[in-house]
């Protein structure tokens, strides 16, 4: 399996931030979390959509 490498530094920071938040609260609403990250890190809509797919895919792999 290949690892996805985001190009945007802000996107990298958002991924790290989301990872930390999910460790603190594993039951957190992913959509709301991605929305918060989008605002906090000034992500484009395209980056926010990518981020949401990434965390949902990760969530589905971890629950399998």
PDB file of N, CA and C in Angstrom:
ATOM      1  N   UNK A   1       0.844  -1.180   0.000  1.00  0.00           N
ATOM      2  CA  UNK A   1       0.000   0.000   0.000  1.00  0.00           C
ATOM      3  C   UNK A   1       0.887   1.241   0.000  1.00  0.00           C
ATOM      4  N   UNK A   2       0.547   2.202  -0.839  1.00  0.00           N
ATOM      5  CA  UNK A   2       1.342   3.421  -0.902  1.00  0.00           C
ATOM      6  C   UNK A   2       0.835   4.436   0.113  1.00  0.00           C
ATOM      7  N   UNK A   3       1.723   5.286   0.543  1.00  0.00           N
ATOM      8  CA  UNK A   3       1.385   6.333   1.500  1.00  0.00           C
ATOM      9  C   UNK A   3       1.098   7.617   0.745  1.00  0.00           C
ATOM     10  N   UNK A   4       0.018   8.293   1.122  1.00  0.00           N
ATOM     11  CA  UNK A   4      -0.344   9.550   0.493  1.00  0.00           C
ATOM     12  C   UNK A   4       0.518  10.649   1.093  1.00  0.00           C
ATOM     13  N   UNK A   5       1.119  11.467   0.243  1.00  0.00           N
ATOM     14  CA  UNK A   5       1.966  12.560   0.691  1.00  0.00           C
ATOM     15  C   UNK A   5       1.335  13.895   0.280  1.00  0.00           C
ATOM     16  N   UNK A   6       0.719  14.595   1.214  1.00  0.00           N
ATOM     17  CA  UNK A   6       0.124  15.883   0.862  1.00  0.00           C
ATOM     18  C   UNK A   6       1.189  16.897   0.485  1.00  0.00           C
ATOM     19  N   UNK A   7       0.872  17.752  -0.481  1.00  0.00           N
ATOM     20  CA  UNK A   7       1.821  18.747  -0.958  1.00  0.00           C
ATOM     21  C   UNK A   7       1.796  20.013  -0.115  1.00  0.00           C
ATOM     22  N   UNK A   8       0.639  20.353   0.387  1.00  0.00           N
ATOM     23  CA  UNK A   8       0.464  21.593   1.128  1.00  0.00           C
ATOM     24  C   UNK A   8       0.952  21.437   2.568  1.00  0.00           C
ATOM     25  N   UNK A   9       1.773  22.374   3.008  1.00  0.00           N
ATOM     26  CA  UNK A   9       2.253  22.354   4.394  1.00  0.00           C
ATOM     27  C   UNK A   9       1.086  22.510   5.364  1.00  0.00           C
ATOM     28  N   UNK A  10       0.107  23.336   5.010  1.00  0.00           N
ATOM     29  CA  UNK A  10      -1.068  23.512   5.865  1.00  0.00           C
ATOM     30  C   UNK A  10      -1.855  22.212   5.970  1.00  0.00           C
ATOM     31  N   UNK A  11      -1.942  21.487   4.882  1.00  0.00           N
ATOM     32  CA  UNK A  11      -2.644  20.207   4.890  1.00  0.00           C
ATOM     33  C   UNK A  11      -1.911  19.207   5.785  1.00  0.00           C
ATOM     34  N   UNK A  12      -0.610  19.211   5.730  1.00  0.00           N
ATOM     35  CA  UNK A  12       0.173  18.336   6.610  1.00  0.00           C
ATOM     36  C   UNK A  12      -0.095  18.668   8.076  1.00  0.00           C
ATOM     37  N   UNK A  13      -0.126  19.949   8.387  1.00  0.00           N
ATOM     38  CA  UNK A  13      -0.405  20.375   9.765  1.00  0.00           C
ATOM     39  C   UNK A  13      -1.812  19.967  10.179  1.00  0.00           C
ATOM     40  N   UNK A  14      -2.766  20.080   9.268  1.00  0.00           N
ATOM     41  CA  UNK A  14      -4.147  19.707   9.566  1.00  0.00           C
ATOM     42  C   UNK A  14      -4.257  18.209   9.841  1.00  0.00           C
ATOM     43  N   UNK A  15      -3.558  17.407   9.076  1.00  0.00           N
ATOM     44  CA  UNK A  15      -3.579  15.959   9.282  1.00  0.00           C
ATOM     45  C   UNK A  15      -3.017  15.611  10.655  1.00  0.00           C
ATOM     46  N   UNK A  16      -1.926  16.240  11.014  1.00  0.00           N
ATOM     47  CA  UNK A  16      -1.324  16.004  12.328  1.00  0.00           C
ATOM     48  C   UNK A  16      -2.273  16.453  13.446  1.00  0.00           C
ATOM     49  N   UNK A  17      -2.896  17.605  13.278  1.00  0.00           N
ATOM     50  CA  UNK A  17      -3.819  18.142  14.272  1.00  0.00           C
ATOM     51  C   UNK A  17      -5.012  17.202  14.448  1.00  0.00           C
ATOM     52  N   UNK A  18      -5.570  16.726  13.339  1.00  0.00           N
ATOM     53  CA  UNK A  18      -6.707  15.806  13.401  1.00  0.00           C
ATOM     54  C   UNK A  18      -6.295  14.511  14.098  1.00  0.00           C
ATOM     55  N   UNK A  19      -5.127  14.019  13.788  1.00  0.00           N
ATOM     56  CA  UNK A  19      -4.639  12.798  14.426  1.00  0.00           C
ATOM     57  C   UNK A  19      -4.571  12.965  15.943  1.00  0.00           C
ATOM     58  N   UNK A  20      -4.070  14.097  16.386  1.00  0.00           N
ATOM     59  CA  UNK A  20      -3.973  14.369  17.818  1.00  0.00           C
ATOM     60  C   UNK A  20      -5.353  14.467  18.457  1.00  0.00           C
ATOM     61  N   UNK A  21      -6.274  15.149  17.789  1.00  0.00           N
ATOM     62  CA  UNK A  21      -7.631  15.303  18.318  1.00  0.00           C
ATOM     63  C   UNK A  21      -8.338  13.954  18.407  1.00  0.00           C
ATOM     64  N   UNK A  22      -8.108  13.078  17.425  1.00  0.00           N
ATOM     65  CA  UNK A  22      -8.751  11.762  17.427  1.00  0.00           C
ATOM     66  C   UNK A  22      -8.178  10.869  18.525  1.00  0.00           C
ATOM     67  N   UNK A  23      -6.907  11.062  18.874  1.00  0.00           N
ATOM     68  CA  UNK A  23      -6.324  10.307  19.987  1.00  0.00           C
ATOM     69  C   UNK A  23      -6.956  10.745  21.303  1.00  0.00           C
ATOM     70  N   UNK A  24      -7.213  12.055  21.427  1.00  0.00           N
ATOM     71  CA  UNK A  24      -7.828  12.588  22.640  1.00  0.00           C
ATOM     72  C   UNK A  24      -9.277  12.139  22.766  1.00  0.00           C
ATOM     73  N   UNK A  25      -9.972  12.071  21.627  1.00  0.00           N
ATOM     74  CA  UNK A  25     -11.393  11.733  21.623  1.00  0.00           C
ATOM     75  C   UNK A  25     -11.706  10.873  20.401  1.00  0.00           C
ATOM     76  N   UNK A  26     -11.570   9.548  20.529  1.00  0.00           N
ATOM     77  CA  UNK A  26     -11.770   8.651  19.379  1.00  0.00           C
ATOM     78  C   UNK A  26     -13.183   8.692  18.791  1.00  0.00           C
ATOM     79  N   UNK A  27     -14.167   9.120  19.561  1.00  0.00           N
ATOM     80  CA  UNK A  27     -15.552   9.147  19.086  1.00  0.00           C
ATOM     81  C   UNK A  27     -15.957  10.487  18.482  1.00  0.00           C
ATOM     82  N   UNK A  28     -15.012  11.366  18.258  1.00  0.00           N
ATOM     83  CA  UNK A  28     -15.313  12.703  17.737  1.00  0.00           C
ATOM     84  C   UNK A  28     -15.923  12.619  16.341  1.00  0.00           C
ATOM     85  N   UNK A  29     -16.816  13.535  16.036  1.00  0.00           N
ATOM     86  CA  UNK A  29     -17.460  13.585  14.726  1.00  0.00           C
ATOM     87  C   UNK A  29     -16.435  14.026  13.683  1.00  0.00           C
ATOM     88  N   UNK A  30     -16.182  13.154  12.719  1.00  0.00           N
ATOM     89  CA  UNK A  30     -15.124  13.412  11.740  1.00  0.00           C
ATOM     90  C   UNK A  30     -15.432  14.595  10.834  1.00  0.00           C
ATOM     91  N   UNK A  31     -16.683  14.735  10.433  1.00  0.00           N
ATOM     92  CA  UNK A  31     -17.047  15.845   9.550  1.00  0.00           C
ATOM     93  C   UNK A  31     -16.817  17.184  10.242  1.00  0.00           C
ATOM     94  N   UNK A  32     -17.244  17.286  11.476  1.00  0.00           N
ATOM     95  CA  UNK A  32     -17.043  18.528  12.230  1.00  0.00           C
ATOM     96  C   UNK A  32     -15.552  18.788  12.456  1.00  0.00           C
ATOM     97  N   UNK A  33     -14.810  17.736  12.728  1.00  0.00           N
ATOM     98  CA  UNK A  33     -13.378  17.873  12.955  1.00  0.00           C
ATOM     99  C   UNK A  33     -12.672  18.384  11.700  1.00  0.00           C
ATOM    100  N   UNK A  34     -13.034  17.844  10.548  1.00  0.00           N
ATOM    101  CA  UNK A  34     -12.442  18.294   9.285  1.00  0.00           C
ATOM    102  C   UNK A  34     -12.846  19.735   9.000  1.00  0.00           C
ATOM    103  N   UNK A  35     -14.088  20.094   9.295  1.00  0.00           N
ATOM    104  CA  UNK A  35     -14.520  21.485   9.117  1.00  0.00           C
ATOM    105  C   UNK A  35     -13.681  22.426   9.983  1.00  0.00           C
ATOM    106  N   UNK A  36     -13.460  22.033  11.233  1.00  0.00           N
ATOM    107  CA  UNK A  36     -12.644  22.852  12.131  1.00  0.00           C
ATOM    108  C   UNK A  36     -11.225  22.989  11.599  1.00  0.00           C
ATOM    109  N   UNK A  37     -10.676  21.890  11.117  1.00  0.00           N
ATOM    110  CA  UNK A  37      -9.321  21.921  10.566  1.00  0.00           C
ATOM    111  C   UNK A  37      -9.264  22.821   9.335  1.00  0.00           C
ATOM    112  N   UNK A  38     -10.296  22.763   8.503  1.00  0.00           N
ATOM    113  CA  UNK A  38     -10.347  23.609   7.315  1.00  0.00           C
ATOM    114  C   UNK A  38     -10.275  25.084   7.657  1.00  0.00           C
ATOM    115  N   UNK A  39     -11.018  25.480   8.696  1.00  0.00           N
ATOM    116  CA  UNK A  39     -10.986  26.879   9.125  1.00  0.00           C
ATOM    117  C   UNK A  39      -9.656  27.226   9.791  1.00  0.00           C
ATOM    118  N   UNK A  40      -9.207  26.348  10.670  1.00  0.00           N
ATOM    119  CA  UNK A  40      -7.994  26.637  11.435  1.00  0.00           C
ATOM    120  C   UNK A  40      -6.755  26.734  10.553  1.00  0.00           C
ATOM    121  N   UNK A  41      -6.690  25.894   9.525  1.00  0.00           N
ATOM    122  CA  UNK A  41      -5.500  25.844   8.683  1.00  0.00           C
ATOM    123  C   UNK A  41      -5.720  26.464   7.308  1.00  0.00           C
ATOM    124  N   UNK A  42      -6.859  27.134   7.134  1.00  0.00           N
ATOM    125  CA  UNK A  42      -7.175  27.857   5.900  1.00  0.00           C
ATOM    126  C   UNK A  42      -7.022  26.951   4.667  1.00  0.00           C
ATOM    127  N   UNK A  43      -7.689  25.797   4.724  1.00  0.00           N
ATOM    128  CA  UNK A  43      -7.600  24.839   3.630  1.00  0.00           C
ATOM    129  C   UNK A  43      -8.588  25.192   2.520  1.00  0.00           C
ATOM    130  N   UNK A  44      -8.223  24.851   1.327  1.00  0.00           N
ATOM    131  CA  UNK A  44      -9.127  25.028   0.191  1.00  0.00           C
ATOM    132  C   UNK A  44     -10.236  23.977   0.291  1.00  0.00           C
ATOM    133  N   UNK A  45     -11.352  24.183  -0.387  1.00  0.00           N
ATOM    134  CA  UNK A  45     -12.403  23.158  -0.392  1.00  0.00           C
ATOM    135  C   UNK A  45     -11.889  21.807  -0.896  1.00  0.00           C
ATOM    136  N   UNK A  46     -11.017  21.850  -1.882  1.00  0.00           N
ATOM    137  CA  UNK A  46     -10.443  20.612  -2.420  1.00  0.00           C
ATOM    138  C   UNK A  46      -9.611  19.894  -1.355  1.00  0.00           C
ATOM    139  N   UNK A  47      -8.798  20.643  -0.614  1.00  0.00           N
ATOM    140  CA  UNK A  47      -7.994  20.046   0.457  1.00  0.00           C
ATOM    141  C   UNK A  47      -8.880  19.506   1.572  1.00  0.00           C
ATOM    142  N   UNK A  48      -9.954  20.215   1.887  1.00  0.00           N
ATOM    143  CA  UNK A  48     -10.876  19.754   2.927  1.00  0.00           C
ATOM    144  C   UNK A  48     -11.563  18.459   2.514  1.00  0.00           C
ATOM    145  N   UNK A  49     -11.942  18.349   1.264  1.00  0.00           N
ATOM    146  CA  UNK A  49     -12.558  17.113   0.771  1.00  0.00           C
ATOM    147  C   UNK A  49     -11.562  15.961   0.826  1.00  0.00           C
ATOM    148  N   UNK A  50     -10.336  16.226   0.428  1.00  0.00           N
ATOM    149  CA  UNK A  50      -9.288  15.214   0.504  1.00  0.00           C
ATOM    150  C   UNK A  50      -9.102  14.751   1.944  1.00  0.00           C
ATOM    151  N   UNK A  51      -9.056  15.705   2.860  1.00  0.00           N
ATOM    152  CA  UNK A  51      -8.853  15.402   4.263  1.00  0.00           C
ATOM    153  C   UNK A  51      -9.998  14.552   4.810  1.00  0.00           C
ATOM    154  N   UNK A  52     -11.215  14.875   4.451  1.00  0.00           N
ATOM    155  CA  UNK A  52     -12.362  14.104   4.913  1.00  0.00           C
ATOM    156  C   UNK A  52     -12.298  12.671   4.390  1.00  0.00           C
ATOM    157  N   UNK A  53     -11.967  12.502   3.115  1.00  0.00           N
ATOM    158  CA  UNK A  53     -11.821  11.144   2.562  1.00  0.00           C
ATOM    159  C   UNK A  53     -10.711  10.393   3.285  1.00  0.00           C
ATOM    160  N   UNK A  54      -9.621  11.074   3.557  1.00  0.00           N
ATOM    161  CA  UNK A  54      -8.486  10.449   4.224  1.00  0.00           C
ATOM    162  C   UNK A  54      -8.869   9.945   5.614  1.00  0.00           C
ATOM    163  N   UNK A  55      -9.527  10.766   6.409  1.00  0.00           N
ATOM    164  CA  UNK A  55      -9.865  10.342   7.774  1.00  0.00           C
ATOM    165  C   UNK A  55     -10.964   9.292   7.770  1.00  0.00           C
ATOM    166  N   UNK A  56     -11.895   9.366   6.831  1.00  0.00           N
ATOM    167  CA  UNK A  56     -12.929   8.330   6.747  1.00  0.00           C
ATOM    168  C   UNK A  56     -12.335   7.005   6.319  1.00  0.00           C
ATOM    169  N   UNK A  57     -11.419   7.024   5.361  1.00  0.00           N
ATOM    170  CA  UNK A  57     -10.762   5.790   4.919  1.00  0.00           C
ATOM    171  C   UNK A  57      -9.960   5.196   6.087  1.00  0.00           C
ATOM    172  N   UNK A  58      -9.263   6.041   6.806  1.00  0.00           N
ATOM    173  CA  UNK A  58      -8.482   5.582   7.948  1.00  0.00           C
ATOM    174  C   UNK A  58      -9.396   4.984   9.007  1.00  0.00           C
ATOM    175  N   UNK A  59     -10.538   5.632   9.244  1.00  0.00           N
ATOM    176  CA  UNK A  59     -11.501   5.163  10.224  1.00  0.00           C
ATOM    177  C   UNK A  59     -12.069   3.803   9.822  1.00  0.00           C
ATOM    178  N   UNK A  60     -12.384   3.629   8.546  1.00  0.00           N
ATOM    179  CA  UNK A  60     -12.954   2.361   8.105  1.00  0.00           C
ATOM    180  C   UNK A  60     -11.911   1.242   8.158  1.00  0.00           C
ATOM    181  N   UNK A  61     -10.649   1.557   7.904  1.00  0.00           N
ATOM    182  CA  UNK A  61      -9.591   0.543   7.979  1.00  0.00           C
ATOM    183  C   UNK A  61      -9.325   0.129   9.425  1.00  0.00           C
ATOM    184  N   UNK A  62      -9.415   1.093  10.337  1.00  0.00           N
ATOM    185  CA  UNK A  62      -9.151   0.792  11.734  1.00  0.00           C
ATOM    186  C   UNK A  62     -10.284   0.009  12.386  1.00  0.00           C
ATOM    187  N   UNK A  63     -11.500   0.142  11.858  1.00  0.00           N
ATOM    188  CA  UNK A  63     -12.628  -0.563  12.449  1.00  0.00           C
ATOM    189  C   UNK A  63     -12.829  -1.934  11.823  1.00  0.00           C
ATOM    190  N   UNK A  64     -12.095  -2.230  10.760  1.00  0.00           N
ATOM    191  CA  UNK A  64     -12.260  -3.535  10.080  1.00  0.00           C
ATOM    192  C   UNK A  64     -11.523  -4.635  10.797  1.00  0.00           C
TER     193      UNK A  64
END
